[in-house]
Structure formats: C-alpha cells, structure tokens
PDB file of N, CA and C in Angstrom:
ATOM      1  N   MET A   1       0.841  -1.164   0.000  1.00  0.00           N
ATOM      2  CA  MET A   1       0.000   0.000   0.000  1.00  0.00           C
ATOM      3  C   MET A   1       0.893   1.235   0.000  1.00  0.00           C
ATOM      4  N   PRO A   2       0.673   2.142  -0.934  1.00  0.00           N
ATOM      5  CA  PRO A   2       1.487   3.345  -0.988  1.00  0.00           C
ATOM      6  C   PRO A   2       1.200   4.253   0.202  1.00  0.00           C
ATOM      7  N   GLY A   3       2.152   5.065   0.557  1.00  0.00           N
ATOM      8  CA  GLY A   3       1.981   6.003   1.658  1.00  0.00           C
ATOM      9  C   GLY A   3       2.949   7.159   1.532  1.00  0.00           C
ATOM     10  N   GLY A   4       2.763   8.179   2.348  1.00  0.00           N
ATOM     11  CA  GLY A   4       3.669   9.314   2.346  1.00  0.00           C
ATOM     12  C   GLY A   4       3.313  10.403   1.361  1.00  0.00           C
ATOM     13  N   PHE A   5       2.169  10.285   0.691  1.00  0.00           N
ATOM     14  CA  PHE A   5       1.754  11.297  -0.270  1.00  0.00           C
ATOM     15  C   PHE A   5       0.923  12.371   0.418  1.00  0.00           C
ATOM     16  N   ALA A   6       1.010  13.594  -0.101  1.00  0.00           N
ATOM     17  CA  ALA A   6       0.191  14.712   0.359  1.00  0.00           C
ATOM     18  C   ALA A   6      -0.085  15.593  -0.847  1.00  0.00           C
ATOM     19  N   PHE A   7      -1.174  16.368  -0.772  1.00  0.00           N
ATOM     20  CA  PHE A   7      -1.456  17.278  -1.875  1.00  0.00           C
ATOM     21  C   PHE A   7      -1.993  18.587  -1.334  1.00  0.00           C
ATOM     22  N   THR A   8      -1.779  19.639  -2.127  1.00  0.00           N
ATOM     23  CA  THR A   8      -2.355  20.951  -1.841  1.00  0.00           C
ATOM     24  C   THR A   8      -3.003  21.446  -3.121  1.00  0.00           C
ATOM     25  N   ALA A   9      -4.184  22.017  -2.973  1.00  0.00           N
ATOM     26  CA  ALA A   9      -4.920  22.557  -4.118  1.00  0.00           C
ATOM     27  C   ALA A   9      -4.987  24.071  -3.963  1.00  0.00           C
ATOM     28  N   ARG A  10      -4.601  24.778  -5.024  1.00  0.00           N
ATOM     29  CA  ARG A  10      -4.622  26.228  -4.993  1.00  0.00           C
ATOM     30  C   ARG A  10      -4.794  26.768  -6.404  1.00  0.00           C
ATOM     31  N   GLY A  11      -5.829  27.544  -6.612  1.00  0.00           N
ATOM     32  CA  GLY A  11      -6.024  28.245  -7.881  1.00  0.00           C
ATOM     33  C   GLY A  11      -6.097  27.342  -9.095  1.00  0.00           C
ATOM     34  N   GLY A  12      -6.812  26.244  -9.025  1.00  0.00           N
ATOM     35  CA  GLY A  12      -6.944  25.352 -10.172  1.00  0.00           C
ATOM     36  C   GLY A  12      -5.732  24.468 -10.412  1.00  0.00           C
ATOM     37  N   GLU A  13      -4.855  24.397  -9.438  1.00  0.00           N
ATOM     38  CA  GLU A  13      -3.646  23.591  -9.556  1.00  0.00           C
ATOM     39  C   GLU A  13      -3.530  22.698  -8.326  1.00  0.00           C
ATOM     40  N   VAL A  14      -3.127  21.450  -8.539  1.00  0.00           N
ATOM     41  CA  VAL A  14      -2.927  20.511  -7.441  1.00  0.00           C
ATOM     42  C   VAL A  14      -1.470  20.089  -7.455  1.00  0.00           C
ATOM     43  N   ARG A  15      -0.789  20.317  -6.334  1.00  0.00           N
ATOM     44  CA  ARG A  15       0.610  19.903  -6.192  1.00  0.00           C
ATOM     45  C   ARG A  15       0.660  18.686  -5.289  1.00  0.00           C
ATOM     46  N   ILE A  16       1.307  17.629  -5.776  1.00  0.00           N
ATOM     47  CA  ILE A  16       1.419  16.386  -5.028  1.00  0.00           C
ATOM     48  C   ILE A  16       2.870  16.218  -4.598  1.00  0.00           C
ATOM     49  N   SER A  17       3.044  15.863  -3.321  1.00  0.00           N
ATOM     50  CA  SER A  17       4.391  15.605  -2.814  1.00  0.00           C
ATOM     51  C   SER A  17       4.437  14.212  -2.213  1.00  0.00           C
ATOM     52  N   HIS A  18       5.637  13.654  -2.174  1.00  0.00           N
ATOM     53  CA  HIS A  18       5.857  12.336  -1.594  1.00  0.00           C
ATOM     54  C   HIS A  18       6.997  12.459  -0.605  1.00  0.00           C
ATOM     55  N   HIS A  19       6.692  12.238   0.666  1.00  0.00           N
ATOM     56  CA  HIS A  19       7.649  12.411   1.757  1.00  0.00           C
ATOM     57  C   HIS A  19       8.308  13.786   1.697  1.00  0.00           C
ATOM     58  N   GLY A  20       7.493  14.814   1.418  1.00  0.00           N
ATOM     59  CA  GLY A  20       7.976  16.192   1.419  1.00  0.00           C
ATOM     60  C   GLY A  20       8.632  16.664   0.139  1.00  0.00           C
ATOM     61  N   ARG A  21       8.825  15.777  -0.814  1.00  0.00           N
ATOM     62  CA  ARG A  21       9.455  16.167  -2.089  1.00  0.00           C
ATOM     63  C   ARG A  21       8.406  16.257  -3.182  1.00  0.00           C
ATOM     64  N   PRO A  22       8.531  17.236  -4.081  1.00  0.00           N
ATOM     65  CA  PRO A  22       7.550  17.361  -5.163  1.00  0.00           C
ATOM     66  C   PRO A  22       7.481  16.088  -6.022  1.00  0.00           C
ATOM     67  N   ALA A  23       6.262  15.629  -6.293  1.00  0.00           N
ATOM     68  CA  ALA A  23       6.083  14.418  -7.087  1.00  0.00           C
ATOM     69  C   ALA A  23       5.279  14.687  -8.349  1.00  0.00           C
ATOM     70  N   GLY A  24       4.542  15.782  -8.397  1.00  0.00           N
ATOM     71  CA  GLY A  24       3.768  16.078  -9.589  1.00  0.00           C
ATOM     72  C   GLY A  24       2.871  17.279  -9.405  1.00  0.00           C
ATOM     73  N   VAL A  25       2.442  17.845 -10.535  1.00  0.00           N
ATOM     74  CA  VAL A  25       1.530  18.979 -10.545  1.00  0.00           C
ATOM     75  C   VAL A  25       0.435  18.672 -11.549  1.00  0.00           C
ATOM     76  N   LEU A  26      -0.802  18.865 -11.132  1.00  0.00           N
ATOM     77  CA  LEU A  26      -1.946  18.681 -12.019  1.00  0.00           C
ATOM     78  C   LEU A  26      -2.589  20.038 -12.250  1.00  0.00           C
ATOM     79  N   ARG A  27      -2.975  20.304 -13.489  1.00  0.00           N
ATOM     80  CA  ARG A  27      -3.622  21.564 -13.829  1.00  0.00           C
ATOM     81  C   ARG A  27      -4.851  21.288 -14.685  1.00  0.00           C
ATOM     82  N   GLY A  28      -5.756  22.232 -14.690  1.00  0.00           N
ATOM     83  CA  GLY A  28      -6.914  22.170 -15.560  1.00  0.00           C
ATOM     84  C   GLY A  28      -7.827  20.998 -15.271  1.00  0.00           C
ATOM     85  N   ARG A  29      -8.206  20.297 -16.341  1.00  0.00           N
ATOM     86  CA  ARG A  29      -9.140  19.183 -16.228  1.00  0.00           C
ATOM     87  C   ARG A  29      -8.587  18.068 -15.343  1.00  0.00           C
ATOM     88  N   ALA A  30      -7.297  17.768 -15.456  1.00  0.00           N
ATOM     89  CA  ALA A  30      -6.703  16.708 -14.644  1.00  0.00           C
ATOM     90  C   ALA A  30      -6.814  17.036 -13.152  1.00  0.00           C
ATOM     91  N   ALA A  31      -6.627  18.302 -12.796  1.00  0.00           N
ATOM     92  CA  ALA A  31      -6.756  18.714 -11.404  1.00  0.00           C
ATOM     93  C   ALA A  31      -8.195  18.590 -10.930  1.00  0.00           C
ATOM     94  N   ALA A  32      -9.143  18.977 -11.768  1.00  0.00           N
ATOM     95  CA  ALA A  32     -10.559  18.885 -11.404  1.00  0.00           C
ATOM     96  C   ALA A  32     -10.989  17.437 -11.215  1.00  0.00           C
ATOM     97  N   VAL A  33     -10.553  16.553 -12.100  1.00  0.00           N
ATOM     98  CA  VAL A  33     -10.888  15.136 -11.983  1.00  0.00           C
ATOM     99  C   VAL A  33     -10.252  14.546 -10.726  1.00  0.00           C
ATOM    100  N   PHE A  34      -9.014  14.919 -10.450  1.00  0.00           N
ATOM    101  CA  PHE A  34      -8.339  14.431  -9.247  1.00  0.00           C
ATOM    102  C   PHE A  34      -9.096  14.850  -7.990  1.00  0.00           C
ATOM    103  N   LEU A  35      -9.475  16.123  -7.905  1.00  0.00           N
ATOM    104  CA  LEU A  35     -10.172  16.612  -6.718  1.00  0.00           C
ATOM    105  C   LEU A  35     -11.537  15.941  -6.553  1.00  0.00           C
ATOM    106  N   ARG A  36     -12.175  15.599  -7.644  1.00  0.00           N
ATOM    107  CA  ARG A  36     -13.447  14.874  -7.574  1.00  0.00           C
ATOM    108  C   ARG A  36     -13.214  13.451  -7.076  1.00  0.00           C
ATOM    109  N   ASP A  37     -12.221  12.776  -7.649  1.00  0.00           N
ATOM    110  CA  ASP A  37     -11.966  11.375  -7.324  1.00  0.00           C
ATOM    111  C   ASP A  37     -11.389  11.180  -5.927  1.00  0.00           C
ATOM    112  N   VAL A  38     -10.636  12.144  -5.416  1.00  0.00           N
ATOM    113  CA  VAL A  38      -9.994  11.984  -4.114  1.00  0.00           C
ATOM    114  C   VAL A  38     -11.042  11.933  -2.993  1.00  0.00           C
ATOM    115  N   GLU A  39     -12.242  12.435  -3.256  1.00  0.00           N
ATOM    116  CA  GLU A  39     -13.313  12.395  -2.257  1.00  0.00           C
ATOM    117  C   GLU A  39     -13.882  10.992  -2.071  1.00  0.00           C
ATOM    118  N   VAL A  40     -13.816  10.151  -3.115  1.00  0.00           N
ATOM    119  CA  VAL A  40     -14.462   8.835  -3.047  1.00  0.00           C
ATOM    120  C   VAL A  40     -13.481   7.667  -3.108  1.00  0.00           C
ATOM    121  N   GLN A  41     -12.234   7.916  -3.450  1.00  0.00           N
ATOM    122  CA  GLN A  41     -11.232   6.855  -3.543  1.00  0.00           C
ATOM    123  C   GLN A  41     -10.185   7.028  -2.449  1.00  0.00           C
ATOM    124  N   ASP A  42      -9.343   6.025  -2.299  1.00  0.00           N
ATOM    125  CA  ASP A  42      -8.236   6.107  -1.340  1.00  0.00           C
ATOM    126  C   ASP A  42      -7.248   7.164  -1.841  1.00  0.00           C
ATOM    127  N   PRO A  43      -7.057   8.254  -1.094  1.00  0.00           N
ATOM    128  CA  PRO A  43      -6.182   9.330  -1.568  1.00  0.00           C
ATOM    129  C   PRO A  43      -4.745   8.882  -1.826  1.00  0.00           C
ATOM    130  N   GLN A  44      -4.187   8.024  -0.960  1.00  0.00           N
ATOM    131  CA  GLN A  44      -2.806   7.582  -1.143  1.00  0.00           C
ATOM    132  C   GLN A  44      -2.644   6.790  -2.438  1.00  0.00           C
ATOM    133  N   LEU A  45      -3.558   5.894  -2.690  1.00  0.00           N
ATOM    134  CA  LEU A  45      -3.502   5.076  -3.903  1.00  0.00           C
ATOM    135  C   LEU A  45      -3.703   5.934  -5.147  1.00  0.00           C
ATOM    136  N   LEU A  46      -4.644   6.870  -5.072  1.00  0.00           N
ATOM    137  CA  LEU A  46      -4.902   7.743  -6.209  1.00  0.00           C
ATOM    138  C   LEU A  46      -3.679   8.600  -6.530  1.00  0.00           C
ATOM    139  N   MET A  47      -3.025   9.156  -5.508  1.00  0.00           N
ATOM    140  CA  MET A  47      -1.838   9.980  -5.757  1.00  0.00           C
ATOM    141  C   MET A  47      -0.694   9.143  -6.306  1.00  0.00           C
ATOM    142  N   ALA A  48      -0.566   7.908  -5.846  1.00  0.00           N
ATOM    143  CA  ALA A  48       0.472   7.028  -6.379  1.00  0.00           C
ATOM    144  C   ALA A  48       0.222   6.756  -7.858  1.00  0.00           C
ATOM    145  N   ARG A  49      -1.014   6.523  -8.215  1.00  0.00           N
ATOM    146  CA  ARG A  49      -1.333   6.268  -9.625  1.00  0.00           C
ATOM    147  C   ARG A  49      -1.111   7.498 -10.483  1.00  0.00           C
ATOM    148  N   VAL A  50      -1.538   8.648  -9.996  1.00  0.00           N
ATOM    149  CA  VAL A  50      -1.420   9.882 -10.770  1.00  0.00           C
ATOM    150  C   VAL A  50       0.043  10.247 -11.008  1.00  0.00           C
ATOM    151  N   THR A  51       0.889  10.017 -10.019  1.00  0.00           N
ATOM    152  CA  THR A  51       2.299  10.376 -10.167  1.00  0.00           C
ATOM    153  C   THR A  51       3.111   9.296 -10.871  1.00  0.00           C
ATOM    154  N   GLY A  52       2.505   8.132 -11.117  1.00  0.00           N
ATOM    155  CA  GLY A  52       3.226   7.055 -11.787  1.00  0.00           C
ATOM    156  C   GLY A  52       4.067   6.230 -10.848  1.00  0.00           C
ATOM    157  N   ASN A  53       3.908   6.417  -9.555  1.00  0.00           N
ATOM    158  CA  ASN A  53       4.697   5.699  -8.567  1.00  0.00           C
ATOM    159  C   ASN A  53       3.900   4.497  -8.054  1.00  0.00           C
ATOM    160  N   TYR A  54       3.445   3.662  -8.986  1.00  0.00           N
ATOM    161  CA  TYR A  54       2.567   2.556  -8.628  1.00  0.00           C
ATOM    162  C   TYR A  54       2.833   1.382  -9.543  1.00  0.00           C
ATOM    163  N   ARG A  55       3.120   0.231  -8.986  1.00  0.00           N
ATOM    164  CA  ARG A  55       3.296  -1.015  -9.729  1.00  0.00           C
ATOM    165  C   ARG A  55       4.277  -0.852 -10.893  1.00  0.00           C
ATOM    166  N   HIS A  56       5.524  -0.931 -10.577  1.00  0.00           N
ATOM    167  CA  HIS A  56       6.555  -0.788 -11.598  1.00  0.00           C
ATOM    168  C   HIS A  56       6.778  -2.058 -12.406  1.00  0.00           C
ATOM    169  N   GLY A  57       6.159  -3.147 -12.021  1.00  0.00           N
ATOM    170  CA  GLY A  57       6.297  -4.377 -12.777  1.00  0.00           C
ATOM    171  C   GLY A  57       7.386  -5.292 -12.279  1.00  0.00           C
ATOM    172  N   ASN A  58       8.142  -4.880 -11.282  1.00  0.00           N
ATOM    173  CA  ASN A  58       9.240  -5.708 -10.806  1.00  0.00           C
ATOM    174  C   ASN A  58       8.899  -6.404  -9.486  1.00  0.00           C
ATOM    175  N   GLU A  59       7.642  -6.371  -9.062  1.00  0.00           N
ATOM    176  CA  GLU A  59       7.283  -6.958  -7.779  1.00  0.00           C
ATOM    177  C   GLU A  59       7.526  -8.467  -7.760  1.00  0.00           C
ATOM    178  N   ARG A  60       7.168  -9.163  -8.813  1.00  0.00           N
ATOM    179  CA  ARG A  60       7.344 -10.612  -8.853  1.00  0.00           C
ATOM    180  C   ARG A  60       8.829 -10.965  -8.874  1.00  0.00           C
ATOM    181  N   THR A  61       9.614 -10.247  -9.654  1.00  0.00           N
ATOM    182  CA  THR A  61      11.046 -10.493  -9.724  1.00  0.00           C
ATOM    183  C   THR A  61      11.696 -10.278  -8.365  1.00  0.00           C
ATOM    184  N   ALA A  62      11.318  -9.222  -7.676  1.00  0.00           N
ATOM    185  CA  ALA A  62      11.899  -8.926  -6.371  1.00  0.00           C
ATOM    186  C   ALA A  62      11.510  -9.984  -5.345  1.00  0.00           C
ATOM    187  N   ALA A  63      10.293 -10.487  -5.415  1.00  0.00           N
ATOM    188  CA  ALA A  63       9.851 -11.503  -4.455  1.00  0.00           C
ATOM    189  C   ALA A  63      10.618 -12.804  -4.624  1.00  0.00           C
ATOM    190  N   MET A  64      11.088 -13.095  -5.812  1.00  0.00           N
ATOM    191  CA  MET A  64      11.793 -14.343  -6.079  1.00  0.00           C
ATOM    192  C   MET A  64      13.296 -14.239  -5.804  1.00  0.00           C
ATOM    193  N   HIS A  65      13.796 -13.046  -5.495  1.00  0.00           N
ATOM    194  CA  HIS A  65      15.215 -12.878  -5.229  1.00  0.00           C
ATOM    195  C   HIS A  65      15.579 -13.622  -3.940  1.00  0.00           C
ATOM    196  N   PRO A  66      16.742 -14.290  -3.901  1.00  0.00           N
ATOM    197  CA  PRO A  66      17.117 -15.086  -2.722  1.00  0.00           C
ATOM    198  C   PRO A  66      17.075 -14.321  -1.393  1.00  0.00           C
ATOM    199  N   ARG A  67      17.429 -13.054  -1.389  1.00  0.00           N
ATOM    200  CA  ARG A  67      17.435 -12.333  -0.113  1.00  0.00           C
ATOM    201  C   ARG A  67      16.024 -12.042   0.394  1.00  0.00           C
ATOM    202  N   ASN A  68      15.028 -12.127  -0.485  1.00  0.00           N
ATOM    203  CA  ASN A  68      13.647 -11.838  -0.088  1.00  0.00           C
ATOM    204  C   ASN A  68      12.808 -13.091   0.124  1.00  0.00           C
ATOM    205  N   ARG A  69      13.390 -14.274  -0.097  1.00  0.00           N
ATOM    206  CA  ARG A  69      12.626 -15.505  -0.006  1.00  0.00           C
ATOM    207  C   ARG A  69      12.650 -16.125   1.379  1.00  0.00           C
ATOM    208  N   GLY A  70      13.427 -15.582   2.289  1.00  0.00           N
ATOM    209  CA  GLY A  70      13.548 -16.179   3.621  1.00  0.00           C
ATOM    210  C   GLY A  70      14.499 -17.354   3.547  1.00  0.00           C
ATOM    211  N   GLY A  71      14.288 -18.345   4.390  1.00  0.00           N
ATOM    212  CA  GLY A  71      15.129 -19.543   4.330  1.00  0.00           C
ATOM    213  C   GLY A  71      16.583 -19.287   4.648  1.00  0.00           C
ATOM    214  N   ARG A  72      17.471 -20.072   4.009  1.00  0.00           N
ATOM    215  CA  ARG A  72      18.925 -19.959   4.269  1.00  0.00           C
ATOM    216  C   ARG A  72      19.514 -18.718   3.640  1.00  0.00           C
ATOM    217  N   ARG A  73      20.578 -18.265   4.290  1.00  0.00           N
ATOM    218  CA  ARG A  73      21.312 -17.099   3.735  1.00  0.00           C
ATOM    219  C   ARG A  73      22.747 -17.452   3.570  1.00  0.00           C
TER     220      ARG A  73
END
C-alpha cells in the first residue's frame, strides 16, 4: 500500500508531494478530476497512480530474489 503522499490545491492547480518532495503537478481538467476522485477513492492510492509511482512491474522479480525468499542465507 502506498503512503507518504500529500497534496495541496490552490487556484486550479494541485501539487502532489511524496515524503515532502515534489512528485507532480496537475492543472486544468486533470486537477478537477483528481479533486473529484480523491473524495471517493483512497487518496494515497490515487496519488500514487497519478504520479506514476505505482506497480513498476518488478514486484514478482523482487519476491523471487534469494534475499527476499527467507530460508537460508
């Protein structure tokens, strides 16, 4: 589950940060859709998707790595 995201909306612009660092800016229609959707969806998940910081495709590969499988080291 993603975490550490925050957003501020000002003057038709939405600024998204992740752990205090800028992660993205939405303007115009994208900002309006985001503000509508954030009311009914999980805000952390929505911000992760909007900024592209969601499911990079390497989760399965990382899970199969020997250091992440437990067992012997």
